[in-house]
Amino acid sequence: MDMDEKDKRKRSWIVAAIVVTAILIGGFVYYIFYRQQQKMADMQEIYELEKASLTDEYEELSLRYEDYKFSVGNDSLVALLTTEQMRVQRLMEELRTVKVTNTRRINELKKELESLRKIMRGYVQQIDSLNKENQKLKTENQQVTRRYQQATSAAAQLTKEKEKLTERVNLASRLDATSIQVTPLTSKGKLSKRIDRTSQLMLQFSIVRNITAPVGEKALYVRIMRPDDDILRKPNSGVFSFENREIAYSMMKTIEYDGEEAQVVMYWNVEEYLSPGTYRVDIFADGNMIGRKSFSLEK
């Protein structure tokens, strides 16, 4: 084997050694980089868990302030609790937006949380003190109330009996609508057997004799309800008072009532689409419902 051949083999071994060394170094560098990335990922997860836990603590503190606000009857203390709760909520919003890697600010917010808890403990002591005073006053008030109730019991009983008597008088003086009939009519005034040929609805009823009812003009209001409980109305229809509210009516008629039985007839001109089904008429007078009747319209 000549010198050239030996040199070639020597250089080949050197190149192979360099390649192997480069591979080993590259692998080591990759391993170090991978371990560093894994460590950073683990730290990121720890930071996120700490931030989430701290956020939950802020939210819990805010809810405690909310609970105490509803349990305290002192307006000044409620205002202070509200101010502190708003402060907690501002810091909680800041915590939600701060980056998890900003450990300095997160640690500052942890310290803020401890300060807020100390303030809360001070308010809890005030609330406990107020509750004790309120309990004492409550006991004294119960004694006073008991004596007052005993003193007013007889007057209350008399008032109750008077109210019952008044209620009986009012019930006795209410009008009553009977013999209620609704008849569908054609445009020629004849009985209509089909809903699409109905031109009018004729309502007939009697106001019964009642000598205890006030006499004079009576406004009678009628509500005609569709099968879907929607009321039939005209554009110029108004409202009337019933049970402390204003409700719409379909028809209105004024009669002169003298205490004797009165016959009433009213007409509803059909200008809208009527769907088949069960309808209802409610009749009102003097702020009371005095009659109700259901009727059906068929195809």
C-alpha atoms as a PDB file:
ATOM      1  CA  MET A   1       0.000   0.000   0.000  1.00  0.00           C
ATOM      2  CA  ASP A   2       1.634   3.273  -1.128  1.00  0.00           C
ATOM      3  CA  MET A   3       1.616   6.599   0.714  1.00  0.00           C
ATOM      4  CA  ASP A   4      -1.203   8.100  -1.352  1.00  0.00           C
ATOM      5  CA  GLU A   5      -3.505   5.259  -0.399  1.00  0.00           C
ATOM      6  CA  LYS A   6      -2.624   5.647   3.258  1.00  0.00           C
ATOM      7  CA  ASP A   7      -3.272   9.416   3.138  1.00  0.00           C
ATOM      8  CA  LYS A   8      -6.637   8.846   1.511  1.00  0.00           C
ATOM      9  CA  ARG A   9      -7.698   6.375   4.220  1.00  0.00           C
ATOM     10  CA  LYS A  10      -6.470   8.727   6.937  1.00  0.00           C
ATOM     11  CA  ARG A  11      -8.459  11.625   5.505  1.00  0.00           C
ATOM     12  CA  SER A  12     -11.572   9.426   5.257  1.00  0.00           C
ATOM     13  CA  TRP A  13     -11.316   8.522   8.927  1.00  0.00           C
ATOM     14  CA  ILE A  14     -10.872  12.166   9.848  1.00  0.00           C
ATOM     15  CA  VAL A  15     -13.931  13.183   7.796  1.00  0.00           C
ATOM     16  CA  ALA A  16     -15.986  10.388   9.348  1.00  0.00           C
ATOM     17  CA  ALA A  17     -14.881  11.460  12.821  1.00  0.00           C
ATOM     18  CA  ILE A  18     -15.847  15.058  12.057  1.00  0.00           C
ATOM     19  CA  VAL A  19     -19.261  13.988  10.741  1.00  0.00           C
ATOM     20  CA  VAL A  20     -19.940  11.802  13.777  1.00  0.00           C
ATOM     21  CA  THR A  21     -18.804  14.604  16.098  1.00  0.00           C
ATOM     22  CA  ALA A  22     -21.081  17.085  14.273  1.00  0.00           C
ATOM     23  CA  ILE A  23     -24.027  14.689  14.577  1.00  0.00           C
ATOM     24  CA  LEU A  24     -23.376  14.197  18.273  1.00  0.00           C
ATOM     25  CA  ILE A  25     -23.056  17.947  18.851  1.00  0.00           C
ATOM     26  CA  GLY A  26     -26.238  18.621  16.808  1.00  0.00           C
ATOM     27  CA  GLY A  27     -28.130  15.987  18.744  1.00  0.00           C
ATOM     28  CA  PHE A  28     -26.935  17.397  22.036  1.00  0.00           C
ATOM     29  CA  VAL A  29     -27.912  20.932  20.996  1.00  0.00           C
ATOM     30  CA  TYR A  30     -31.349  19.699  19.863  1.00  0.00           C
ATOM     31  CA  TYR A  31     -31.797  17.832  23.170  1.00  0.00           C
ATOM     32  CA  ILE A  32     -30.852  20.948  25.141  1.00  0.00           C
ATOM     33  CA  PHE A  33     -33.255  23.072  23.007  1.00  0.00           C
ATOM     34  CA  TYR A  34     -36.061  20.527  23.393  1.00  0.00           C
ATOM     35  CA  ARG A  35     -35.580  20.360  27.161  1.00  0.00           C
ATOM     36  CA  GLN A  36     -35.583  24.175  27.327  1.00  0.00           C
ATOM     37  CA  GLN A  37     -38.808  24.380  25.304  1.00  0.00           C
ATOM     38  CA  GLN A  38     -40.420  21.699  27.495  1.00  0.00           C
ATOM     39  CA  LYS A  39     -39.390  23.560  30.615  1.00  0.00           C
ATOM     40  CA  MET A  40     -40.819  26.813  29.241  1.00  0.00           C
ATOM     41  CA  ALA A  41     -44.094  25.037  28.372  1.00  0.00           C
ATOM     42  CA  ASP A  42     -44.278  23.614  31.906  1.00  0.00           C
ATOM     43  CA  MET A  43     -43.624  27.063  33.390  1.00  0.00           C
ATOM     44  CA  GLN A  44     -46.293  28.557  31.102  1.00  0.00           C
ATOM     45  CA  GLU A  45     -48.824  26.001  32.351  1.00  0.00           C
ATOM     46  CA  ILE A  46     -47.910  26.731  35.984  1.00  0.00           C
ATOM     47  CA  TYR A  47     -48.313  30.490  35.383  1.00  0.00           C
ATOM     48  CA  GLU A  48     -51.715  29.949  33.764  1.00  0.00           C
ATOM     49  CA  LEU A  49     -52.906  27.779  36.667  1.00  0.00           C
ATOM     50  CA  GLU A  50     -51.726  30.379  39.195  1.00  0.00           C
ATOM     51  CA  LYS A  51     -53.472  33.143  37.255  1.00  0.00           C
ATOM     52  CA  ALA A  52     -56.716  31.128  36.998  1.00  0.00           C
ATOM     53  CA  SER A  53     -56.608  30.359  40.727  1.00  0.00           C
ATOM     54  CA  LEU A  54     -55.998  34.016  41.576  1.00  0.00           C
ATOM     55  CA  THR A  55     -58.885  35.052  39.288  1.00  0.00           C
ATOM     56  CA  ASP A  56     -61.204  32.632  41.109  1.00  0.00           C
ATOM     57  CA  GLU A  57     -60.171  34.136  44.459  1.00  0.00           C
ATOM     58  CA  TYR A  58     -60.955  37.658  43.212  1.00  0.00           C
ATOM     59  CA  GLU A  59     -64.336  36.504  41.912  1.00  0.00           C
ATOM     60  CA  GLU A  60     -65.131  34.791  45.217  1.00  0.00           C
ATOM     61  CA  LEU A  61     -64.263  37.981  47.103  1.00  0.00           C
ATOM     62  CA  SER A  62     -66.521  40.024  44.799  1.00  0.00           C
ATOM     63  CA  LEU A  63     -69.410  37.612  45.434  1.00  0.00           C
ATOM     64  CA  ARG A  64     -68.884  37.892  49.195  1.00  0.00           C
ATOM     65  CA  TYR A  65     -69.173  41.673  48.920  1.00  0.00           C
ATOM     66  CA  GLU A  66     -72.391  41.209  46.938  1.00  0.00           C
ATOM     67  CA  ASP A  67     -73.851  38.903  49.605  1.00  0.00           C
ATOM     68  CA  TYR A  68     -72.997  41.308  52.429  1.00  0.00           C
ATOM     69  CA  LYS A  69     -74.584  44.235  50.543  1.00  0.00           C
ATOM     70  CA  PHE A  70     -77.943  42.443  50.615  1.00  0.00           C
ATOM     71  CA  SER A  71     -77.659  41.481  54.267  1.00  0.00           C
ATOM     72  CA  VAL A  72     -76.844  44.982  55.556  1.00  0.00           C
ATOM     73  CA  GLY A  73     -79.518  47.594  56.183  1.00  0.00           C
ATOM     74  CA  ASN A  74     -77.088  50.491  56.685  1.00  0.00           C
ATOM     75  CA  ASP A  75     -76.920  52.689  53.549  1.00  0.00           C
ATOM     76  CA  SER A  76     -73.512  54.155  54.388  1.00  0.00           C
ATOM     77  CA  LEU A  77     -71.995  50.717  54.903  1.00  0.00           C
ATOM     78  CA  VAL A  78     -73.616  49.458  51.703  1.00  0.00           C
ATOM     79  CA  ALA A  79     -71.988  52.361  49.821  1.00  0.00           C
ATOM     80  CA  LEU A  80     -68.562  51.435  51.250  1.00  0.00           C
ATOM     81  CA  LEU A  81     -69.077  47.780  50.364  1.00  0.00           C
ATOM     82  CA  THR A  82     -70.060  48.779  46.826  1.00  0.00           C
ATOM     83  CA  THR A  83     -66.909  50.892  46.439  1.00  0.00           C
ATOM     84  CA  GLU A  84     -64.679  48.041  47.594  1.00  0.00           C
ATOM     85  CA  GLN A  85     -66.506  45.588  45.362  1.00  0.00           C
ATOM     86  CA  MET A  86     -65.927  47.837  42.335  1.00  0.00           C
ATOM     87  CA  ARG A  87     -62.234  47.971  43.246  1.00  0.00           C
ATOM     88  CA  VAL A  88     -62.115  44.169  43.391  1.00  0.00           C
ATOM     89  CA  GLN A  89     -63.827  43.934  40.001  1.00  0.00           C
ATOM     90  CA  ARG A  90     -61.392  46.428  38.400  1.00  0.00           C
ATOM     91  CA  LEU A  91     -58.391  44.435  39.634  1.00  0.00           C
ATOM     92  CA  MET A  92     -60.042  41.212  38.520  1.00  0.00           C
ATOM     93  CA  GLU A  93     -60.523  42.619  34.997  1.00  0.00           C
ATOM     94  CA  GLU A  94     -56.878  43.705  34.954  1.00  0.00           C
ATOM     95  CA  LEU A  95     -55.819  40.214  36.060  1.00  0.00           C
ATOM     96  CA  ARG A  96     -57.798  38.646  33.231  1.00  0.00           C
ATOM     97  CA  THR A  97     -55.993  40.773  30.629  1.00  0.00           C
ATOM     98  CA  VAL A  98     -52.458  40.669  32.053  1.00  0.00           C
ATOM     99  CA  LYS A  99     -50.080  38.199  30.405  1.00  0.00           C
ATOM    100  CA  VAL A 100     -49.292  35.054  32.382  1.00  0.00           C
ATOM    101  CA  THR A 101     -45.565  35.740  31.958  1.00  0.00           C
ATOM    102  CA  ASN A 102     -45.894  39.093  33.717  1.00  0.00           C
ATOM    103  CA  THR A 103     -45.103  37.535  37.072  1.00  0.00           C
ATOM    104  CA  ARG A 104     -44.217  40.878  38.656  1.00  0.00           C
ATOM    105  CA  ARG A 105     -47.732  42.311  38.142  1.00  0.00           C
ATOM    106  CA  ILE A 106     -49.391  39.023  39.099  1.00  0.00           C
ATOM    107  CA  ASN A 107     -47.447  38.979  42.369  1.00  0.00           C
ATOM    108  CA  GLU A 108     -48.534  42.588  42.968  1.00  0.00           C
ATOM    109  CA  LEU A 109     -52.162  41.549  42.410  1.00  0.00           C
ATOM    110  CA  LYS A 110     -51.688  38.737  44.929  1.00  0.00           C
ATOM    111  CA  LYS A 111     -50.606  41.307  47.518  1.00  0.00           C
ATOM    112  CA  GLU A 112     -53.566  43.514  46.572  1.00  0.00           C
ATOM    113  CA  LEU A 113     -55.861  40.533  47.204  1.00  0.00           C
ATOM    114  CA  GLU A 114     -54.484  40.096  50.723  1.00  0.00           C
ATOM    115  CA  SER A 115     -55.076  43.809  51.424  1.00  0.00           C
ATOM    116  CA  LEU A 116     -58.634  43.524  50.148  1.00  0.00           C
ATOM    117  CA  ARG A 117     -59.244  40.530  52.395  1.00  0.00           C
ATOM    118  CA  LYS A 118     -58.071  42.495  55.432  1.00  0.00           C
ATOM    119  CA  ILE A 119     -60.478  45.286  54.507  1.00  0.00           C
ATOM    120  CA  MET A 120     -63.247  42.699  54.138  1.00  0.00           C
ATOM    121  CA  ARG A 121     -62.541  41.323  57.621  1.00  0.00           C
ATOM    122  CA  GLY A 122     -62.913  44.855  59.002  1.00  0.00           C
ATOM    123  CA  TYR A 123     -66.295  45.216  57.321  1.00  0.00           C
ATOM    124  CA  VAL A 124     -67.373  41.803  58.612  1.00  0.00           C
ATOM    125  CA  GLN A 125     -66.658  42.965  62.173  1.00  0.00           C
ATOM    126  CA  GLN A 126     -68.738  46.112  61.595  1.00  0.00           C
ATOM    127  CA  ILE A 127     -71.569  44.037  60.134  1.00  0.00           C
ATOM    128  CA  ASP A 128     -71.504  41.640  63.109  1.00  0.00           C
ATOM    129  CA  SER A 129     -71.613  44.579  65.497  1.00  0.00           C
ATOM    130  CA  LEU A 130     -74.554  46.117  63.636  1.00  0.00           C
ATOM    131  CA  ASN A 131     -76.354  42.781  63.595  1.00  0.00           C
ATOM    132  CA  LYS A 132     -76.013  42.484  67.371  1.00  0.00           C
ATOM    133  CA  GLU A 133     -77.383  46.001  67.844  1.00  0.00           C
ATOM    134  CA  ASN A 134     -80.184  45.291  65.377  1.00  0.00           C
ATOM    135  CA  GLN A 135     -81.079  42.106  67.216  1.00  0.00           C
ATOM    136  CA  LYS A 136     -81.307  44.029  70.467  1.00  0.00           C
ATOM    137  CA  LEU A 137     -83.510  46.671  68.845  1.00  0.00           C
ATOM    138  CA  LYS A 138     -85.570  43.955  67.205  1.00  0.00           C
ATOM    139  CA  THR A 139     -86.278  42.363  70.584  1.00  0.00           C
ATOM    140  CA  GLU A 140     -87.331  45.726  72.028  1.00  0.00           C
ATOM    141  CA  ASN A 141     -89.465  46.458  68.961  1.00  0.00           C
ATOM    142  CA  GLN A 142     -91.162  43.083  69.256  1.00  0.00           C
ATOM    143  CA  GLN A 143     -92.215  43.920  72.777  1.00  0.00           C
ATOM    144  CA  VAL A 144     -93.547  47.316  71.704  1.00  0.00           C
ATOM    145  CA  THR A 145     -95.254  45.771  68.677  1.00  0.00           C
ATOM    146  CA  ARG A 146     -96.894  43.124  70.817  1.00  0.00           C
ATOM    147  CA  ARG A 147     -98.415  45.765  73.080  1.00  0.00           C
ATOM    148  CA  TYR A 148     -99.480  47.815  70.058  1.00  0.00           C
ATOM    149  CA  GLN A 149    -101.108  44.788  68.440  1.00  0.00           C
ATOM    150  CA  GLN A 150    -103.046  44.079  71.602  1.00  0.00           C
ATOM    151  CA  ALA A 151    -104.199  47.703  71.761  1.00  0.00           C
ATOM    152  CA  THR A 152    -105.303  47.779  68.103  1.00  0.00           C
ATOM    153  CA  SER A 153    -106.814  44.300  67.918  1.00  0.00           C
ATOM    154  CA  ALA A 154    -110.338  45.476  68.729  1.00  0.00           C
ATOM    155  CA  ALA A 155    -110.154  48.318  66.172  1.00  0.00           C
ATOM    156  CA  ALA A 156    -108.838  45.927  63.519  1.00  0.00           C
ATOM    157  CA  GLN A 157    -111.684  43.521  64.170  1.00  0.00           C
ATOM    158  CA  LEU A 158    -114.227  46.320  63.767  1.00  0.00           C
ATOM    159  CA  THR A 159    -112.578  47.438  60.536  1.00  0.00           C
ATOM    160  CA  LYS A 160    -112.629  43.882  59.201  1.00  0.00           C
ATOM    161  CA  GLU A 161    -116.315  43.516  59.962  1.00  0.00           C
ATOM    162  CA  LYS A 162    -117.020  46.846  58.285  1.00  0.00           C
ATOM    163  CA  GLU A 163    -115.085  45.757  55.175  1.00  0.00           C
ATOM    164  CA  LYS A 164    -117.055  42.517  55.014  1.00  0.00           C
ATOM    165  CA  LEU A 165    -120.301  44.441  55.257  1.00  0.00           C
ATOM    166  CA  THR A 166    -119.167  46.842  52.529  1.00  0.00           C
ATOM    167  CA  GLU A 167    -118.166  43.895  50.341  1.00  0.00           C
ATOM    168  CA  ARG A 168    -121.584  42.319  50.772  1.00  0.00           C
ATOM    169  CA  VAL A 169    -123.263  45.606  49.813  1.00  0.00           C
ATOM    170  CA  ASN A 170    -121.010  45.952  46.748  1.00  0.00           C
ATOM    171  CA  LEU A 171    -121.705  42.386  45.659  1.00  0.00           C
ATOM    172  CA  ALA A 172    -125.414  42.897  46.097  1.00  0.00           C
ATOM    173  CA  SER A 173    -125.352  46.110  44.033  1.00  0.00           C
ATOM    174  CA  ARG A 174    -123.435  44.639  41.078  1.00  0.00           C
ATOM    175  CA  LEU A 175    -125.224  44.253  37.773  1.00  0.00           C
ATOM    176  CA  ASP A 176    -125.579  40.796  36.280  1.00  0.00           C
ATOM    177  CA  ALA A 177    -125.839  39.924  32.577  1.00  0.00           C
ATOM    178  CA  THR A 178    -127.790  36.743  31.746  1.00  0.00           C
ATOM    179  CA  SER A 179    -129.291  35.014  28.701  1.00  0.00           C
ATOM    180  CA  ILE A 180    -126.235  35.942  26.659  1.00  0.00           C
ATOM    181  CA  GLN A 181    -126.493  34.953  23.004  1.00  0.00           C
ATOM    182  CA  VAL A 182    -124.222  35.642  20.010  1.00  0.00           C
ATOM    183  CA  THR A 183    -125.770  35.157  16.569  1.00  0.00           C
ATOM    184  CA  PRO A 184    -123.798  35.381  13.296  1.00  0.00           C
ATOM    185  CA  LEU A 185    -125.733  37.230  10.577  1.00  0.00           C
ATOM    186  CA  THR A 186    -125.354  37.560   6.812  1.00  0.00           C
ATOM    187  CA  SER A 187    -125.332  40.927   5.051  1.00  0.00           C
ATOM    188  CA  LYS A 188    -129.126  40.531   4.674  1.00  0.00           C
ATOM    189  CA  GLY A 189    -129.624  40.109   8.409  1.00  0.00           C
ATOM    190  CA  LYS A 190    -130.302  36.380   8.245  1.00  0.00           C
ATOM    191  CA  LEU A 191    -128.699  33.623  10.294  1.00  0.00           C
ATOM    192  CA  SER A 192    -125.277  32.783   8.869  1.00  0.00           C
ATOM    193  CA  LYS A 193    -124.167  29.168   8.934  1.00  0.00           C
ATOM    194  CA  ARG A 194    -120.763  29.774   7.341  1.00  0.00           C
ATOM    195  CA  ILE A 195    -118.031  31.971   8.726  1.00  0.00           C
ATOM    196  CA  ASP A 196    -117.069  33.402   5.334  1.00  0.00           C
ATOM    197  CA  ARG A 197    -120.629  34.678   4.869  1.00  0.00           C
ATOM    198  CA  THR A 198    -120.864  36.298   8.289  1.00  0.00           C
ATOM    199  CA  SER A 199    -121.309  40.059   8.029  1.00  0.00           C
ATOM    200  CA  GLN A 200    -122.330  40.849  11.627  1.00  0.00           C
ATOM    201  CA  LEU A 201    -122.274  39.329  15.100  1.00  0.00           C
ATOM    202  CA  MET A 202    -125.429  40.156  17.050  1.00  0.00           C
ATOM    203  CA  LEU A 203    -125.006  40.129  20.837  1.00  0.00           C
ATOM    204  CA  GLN A 204    -128.144  39.899  23.011  1.00  0.00           C
ATOM    205  CA  PHE A 205    -128.319  39.763  26.791  1.00  0.00           C
ATOM    206  CA  SER A 206    -130.418  40.860  29.760  1.00  0.00           C
ATOM    207  CA  ILE A 207    -129.413  43.037  32.704  1.00  0.00           C
ATOM    208  CA  VAL A 208    -131.318  41.488  35.604  1.00  0.00           C
ATOM    209  CA  ARG A 209    -133.462  43.428  38.039  1.00  0.00           C
ATOM    210  CA  ASN A 210    -131.470  44.787  41.003  1.00  0.00           C
ATOM    211  CA  ILE A 211    -133.066  47.381  43.291  1.00  0.00           C
ATOM    212  CA  THR A 212    -129.812  47.802  45.272  1.00  0.00           C
ATOM    213  CA  ALA A 213    -127.777  48.865  42.231  1.00  0.00           C
ATOM    214  CA  PRO A 214    -127.264  52.593  41.580  1.00  0.00           C
ATOM    215  CA  VAL A 215    -129.570  53.825  38.835  1.00  0.00           C
ATOM    216  CA  GLY A 216    -128.786  56.125  35.949  1.00  0.00           C
ATOM    217  CA  GLU A 217    -126.586  55.884  32.879  1.00  0.00           C
ATOM    218  CA  LYS A 218    -124.531  52.697  32.609  1.00  0.00           C
ATOM    219  CA  ALA A 219    -121.640  52.228  30.193  1.00  0.00           C
ATOM    220  CA  LEU A 220    -121.550  48.610  29.030  1.00  0.00           C
ATOM    221  CA  TYR A 221    -118.243  47.369  27.571  1.00  0.00           C
ATOM    222  CA  VAL A 222    -117.898  44.176  25.542  1.00  0.00           C
ATOM    223  CA  ARG A 223    -114.699  42.323  24.663  1.00  0.00           C
ATOM    224  CA  ILE A 224    -114.870  39.749  21.851  1.00  0.00           C
ATOM    225  CA  MET A 225    -111.963  37.322  22.081  1.00  0.00           C
ATOM    226  CA  ARG A 226    -110.694  35.261  19.147  1.00  0.00           C
ATOM    227  CA  PRO A 227    -109.776  31.568  19.551  1.00  0.00           C
ATOM    228  CA  ASP A 228    -106.152  32.713  20.088  1.00  0.00           C
ATOM    229  CA  ASP A 229    -107.337  35.133  22.864  1.00  0.00           C
ATOM    230  CA  ASP A 230    -106.630  38.186  20.711  1.00  0.00           C
ATOM    231  CA  ILE A 231    -109.335  40.858  21.026  1.00  0.00           C
ATOM    232  CA  LEU A 232    -111.429  42.082  18.100  1.00  0.00           C
ATOM    233  CA  ARG A 233    -111.031  45.865  17.863  1.00  0.00           C
ATOM    234  CA  LYS A 234    -111.821  48.745  15.558  1.00  0.00           C
ATOM    235  CA  PRO A 235    -109.245  51.481  14.852  1.00  0.00           C
ATOM    236  CA  ASN A 236    -111.198  53.955  16.995  1.00  0.00           C
ATOM    237  CA  SER A 237    -111.845  51.535  19.883  1.00  0.00           C
ATOM    238  CA  GLY A 238    -110.824  52.811  23.298  1.00  0.00           C
ATOM    239  CA  VAL A 239    -110.017  51.403  26.727  1.00  0.00           C
ATOM    240  CA  PHE A 240    -111.750  51.223  30.109  1.00  0.00           C
ATOM    241  CA  SER A 241    -110.685  50.649  33.709  1.00  0.00           C
ATOM    242  CA  PHE A 242    -110.787  47.141  35.124  1.00  0.00           C
ATOM    243  CA  GLU A 243    -108.955  45.905  38.228  1.00  0.00           C
ATOM    244  CA  ASN A 244    -106.650  48.941  38.406  1.00  0.00           C
ATOM    245  CA  ARG A 245    -105.565  48.778  34.768  1.00  0.00           C
ATOM    246  CA  GLU A 246    -106.723  50.000  31.380  1.00  0.00           C
ATOM    247  CA  ILE A 247    -107.908  47.303  28.948  1.00  0.00           C
ATOM    248  CA  ALA A 248    -109.244  47.525  25.399  1.00  0.00           C
ATOM    249  CA  TYR A 249    -112.826  46.806  24.406  1.00  0.00           C
ATOM    250  CA  SER A 250    -114.557  45.754  21.188  1.00  0.00           C
ATOM    251  CA  MET A 251    -117.930  47.520  21.645  1.00  0.00           C
ATOM    252  CA  MET A 252    -119.473  49.996  24.070  1.00  0.00           C
ATOM    253  CA  LYS A 253    -123.065  51.025  24.678  1.00  0.00           C
ATOM    254  CA  THR A 254    -124.657  53.399  27.189  1.00  0.00           C
ATOM    255  CA  ILE A 255    -128.062  52.501  28.651  1.00  0.00           C
ATOM    256  CA  GLU A 256    -130.376  54.124  31.180  1.00  0.00           C
ATOM    257  CA  TYR A 257    -130.771  51.683  34.058  1.00  0.00           C
ATOM    258  CA  ASP A 258    -133.651  52.108  36.540  1.00  0.00           C
ATOM    259  CA  GLY A 259    -133.159  48.952  38.604  1.00  0.00           C
ATOM    260  CA  GLU A 260    -135.544  46.862  36.518  1.00  0.00           C
ATOM    261  CA  GLU A 261    -134.595  44.181  33.972  1.00  0.00           C
ATOM    262  CA  ALA A 262    -133.197  45.653  30.765  1.00  0.00           C
ATOM    263  CA  GLN A 263    -132.730  44.015  27.347  1.00  0.00           C
ATOM    264  CA  VAL A 264    -129.576  44.929  25.441  1.00  0.00           C
ATOM    265  CA  VAL A 265    -128.698  44.309  21.785  1.00  0.00           C
ATOM    266  CA  MET A 266    -125.328  45.179  20.247  1.00  0.00           C
ATOM    267  CA  TYR A 267    -123.855  44.545  16.782  1.00  0.00           C
ATOM    268  CA  TRP A 268    -120.293  43.889  15.662  1.00  0.00           C
ATOM    269  CA  ASN A 269    -119.634  44.607  11.972  1.00  0.00           C
ATOM    270  CA  VAL A 270    -117.237  41.973  10.639  1.00  0.00           C
ATOM    271  CA  GLU A 271    -114.495  43.786   8.706  1.00  0.00           C
ATOM    272  CA  GLU A 272    -111.630  41.445   9.503  1.00  0.00           C
ATOM    273  CA  TYR A 273    -110.772  37.820   8.840  1.00  0.00           C
ATOM    274  CA  LEU A 274    -112.454  35.427  11.276  1.00  0.00           C
ATOM    275  CA  SER A 275    -110.834  32.046  11.789  1.00  0.00           C
ATOM    276  CA  PRO A 276    -112.970  29.028  12.719  1.00  0.00           C
ATOM    277  CA  GLY A 277    -112.975  28.090  16.391  1.00  0.00           C
ATOM    278  CA  THR A 278    -114.361  29.000  19.819  1.00  0.00           C
ATOM    279  CA  TYR A 279    -114.820  32.714  20.567  1.00  0.00           C
ATOM    280  CA  ARG A 280    -115.763  34.395  23.848  1.00  0.00           C
ATOM    281  CA  VAL A 281    -117.584  37.579  24.856  1.00  0.00           C
ATOM    282  CA  ASP A 282    -116.943  39.277  28.203  1.00  0.00           C
ATOM    283  CA  ILE A 283    -119.361  41.990  29.381  1.00  0.00           C
ATOM    284  CA  PHE A 284    -118.356  44.710  31.863  1.00  0.00           C
ATOM    285  CA  ALA A 285    -120.143  47.467  33.788  1.00  0.00           C
ATOM    286  CA  ASP A 286    -119.165  49.704  36.715  1.00  0.00           C
ATOM    287  CA  GLY A 287    -115.637  48.244  36.698  1.00  0.00           C
ATOM    288  CA  ASN A 288    -116.902  44.652  37.103  1.00  0.00           C
ATOM    289  CA  MET A 289    -117.259  41.733  34.707  1.00  0.00           C
ATOM    290  CA  ILE A 290    -120.979  40.975  34.747  1.00  0.00           C
ATOM    291  CA  GLY A 291    -121.210  38.172  32.177  1.00  0.00           C
ATOM    292  CA  ARG A 292    -119.293  35.769  29.927  1.00  0.00           C
ATOM    293  CA  LYS A 293    -120.314  33.552  27.044  1.00  0.00           C
ATOM    294  CA  SER A 294    -118.412  31.289  24.630  1.00  0.00           C
ATOM    295  CA  PHE A 295    -119.623  30.618  21.062  1.00  0.00           C
ATOM    296  CA  SER A 296    -118.281  28.803  18.022  1.00  0.00           C
ATOM    297  CA  LEU A 297    -117.893  29.890  14.416  1.00  0.00           C
ATOM    298  CA  GLU A 298    -117.527  27.135  11.846  1.00  0.00           C
ATOM    299  CA  LYS A 299    -116.355  27.035   8.251  1.00  0.00           C
END
